[in-house]
Each structure stands twice: as structure tokens, then as C-alpha cells.
Protein backbone atom coordinates (compact mmCIF):
# COMPACT_ATOMS: atom_id res chain seq x y z
CA MET A 1 -11.47 -12.41 -3.53
CA ASP A 2 -10.53 -9.14 -5.07
CA ARG A 3 -7.14 -7.78 -6.17
CA GLN A 4 -6.13 -4.15 -6.36
CA ARG A 5 -2.82 -2.42 -7.31
CA VAL A 6 -2.00 0.72 -5.44
CA LYS A 7 0.90 3.08 -4.87
CA PHE A 8 1.68 4.40 -1.41
CA THR A 9 3.71 7.48 -1.16
CA PHE A 10 5.30 8.18 2.26
CA GLU A 11 6.50 11.49 3.48
CA SER A 12 9.36 11.96 5.99
CA GLU A 13 7.78 10.94 9.28
CA MET A 14 5.93 7.96 7.90
CA VAL A 15 8.82 6.33 6.01
CA LYS A 16 9.90 4.30 9.02
CA GLU A 17 6.34 3.25 10.13
CA PRO A 18 5.26 -0.36 9.52
CA ILE A 19 2.16 0.63 7.46
CA ILE A 20 2.33 -2.35 5.10
CA TYR A 21 2.80 -4.84 7.97
CA ARG A 22 -0.17 -3.40 9.88
CA LEU A 23 -2.25 -3.42 6.76
CA GLY A 24 -1.79 -7.11 6.36
CA GLN A 25 -2.24 -7.92 10.00
CA ASP A 26 -5.05 -5.65 10.93
CA PHE A 27 -7.23 -5.97 7.79
CA HIS A 28 -6.69 -9.50 6.63
CA ILE A 29 -5.15 -8.44 3.34
CA VAL A 30 -2.35 -10.23 1.56
CA THR A 31 0.26 -7.61 0.48
CA ASN A 32 2.67 -8.17 -2.37
CA ILE A 33 5.33 -5.51 -2.99
CA ARG A 34 5.86 -5.09 -6.72
CA ARG A 35 8.12 -2.06 -6.83
CA ALA A 36 9.57 0.30 -4.28
CA ASP A 37 11.95 3.24 -3.75
CA VAL A 38 12.48 4.11 -0.12
CA ARG A 39 14.85 6.67 1.09
CA GLU A 40 15.44 8.56 4.39
CA LYS A 41 12.79 11.28 3.86
CA LEU A 42 10.61 10.01 1.03
CA GLY A 43 9.47 6.67 -0.29
CA TRP A 44 6.91 4.99 -2.49
CA VAL A 45 5.75 1.43 -2.76
CA VAL A 46 3.60 -0.28 -5.45
CA LEU A 47 1.59 -3.10 -4.00
CA GLU A 48 -0.89 -5.72 -5.05
CA LEU A 49 -3.54 -6.29 -2.42
CA ASP A 50 -5.62 -9.46 -2.30
CA GLY A 51 -8.58 -9.87 -0.03
CA GLU A 52 -12.29 -9.17 0.27
CA LYS A 53 -13.25 -5.95 -1.58
CA GLU A 54 -14.72 -4.40 1.58
CA GLU A 55 -11.72 -5.33 3.70
CA ILE A 56 -9.36 -3.76 1.07
CA GLU A 57 -11.40 -0.53 1.03
CA ARG A 58 -11.37 -0.37 4.84
CA GLY A 59 -7.60 -0.99 4.83
CA LEU A 60 -6.94 1.75 2.23
CA GLN A 61 -9.07 4.20 4.22
CA TRP A 62 -6.96 3.52 7.28
CA VAL A 63 -3.72 3.98 5.30
CA SER A 64 -4.99 7.32 3.95
CA SER A 65 -5.90 8.40 7.53
CA THR A 66 -2.27 7.96 8.59
CA GLY A 67 -1.13 10.63 6.11
CA VAL A 68 0.22 8.16 3.47
CA ARG A 69 -0.94 9.03 -0.01
CA VAL A 70 -2.78 6.18 -1.79
CA ASP A 71 -3.11 6.14 -5.64
CA PRO A 72 -4.63 3.39 -7.89
CA VAL A 73 -2.16 1.68 -10.34
CA GLY A 74 -3.14 0.05 -13.51
CA GLY A 75 -1.32 -2.48 -15.79
CA ASP A 76 1.57 -4.80 -14.98
CA VAL A 77 3.92 -2.86 -12.71
CA ILE A 78 6.80 -5.31 -13.21
CA ALA A 79 6.81 -4.99 -16.98
CA GLY A 80 7.12 -1.21 -16.63
């Protein structure tokens, strides 16, 4: 098992899409939302992803292909 922390940034048309749900369902990844700020036309979510390293990489490639920006996150995102 591997764990990665990432930040997804959603532009206007993607804010209402179930990207995180599909990531967990289609790629066998456990998603844990650590922080988020979602508004009508822009949003971001910091996630912890647990799963096999190759499956996480495949899932993140798919997320990027939808137009959602994916950035790595380091440290404890709850502590600040």
C-alpha cells in the first residue's frame, strides 16, 4: 500500500463533477478529504490517497486528463 497527498484544483465546469467519487470507484483508491474550499466557479480539495502505487498513478493521470489540476502536497495538511 502506498499513500500520497495531492491537491486538486477545479475550474468552473468541473466543480460539479463527481471526480473524487469516480477516482475511488474506478481505480480502487481510498480517498480521504483533508481540506477543501469549493465555490460555484472554483474549488480545491486536498486529499490523501491510499492504494497500490501503480493504481494511484493511473488514477491521477485520469484526473489530469479531465482538466482538473493535480499538485503534490507535503506535510500534515490538517496542522496547517
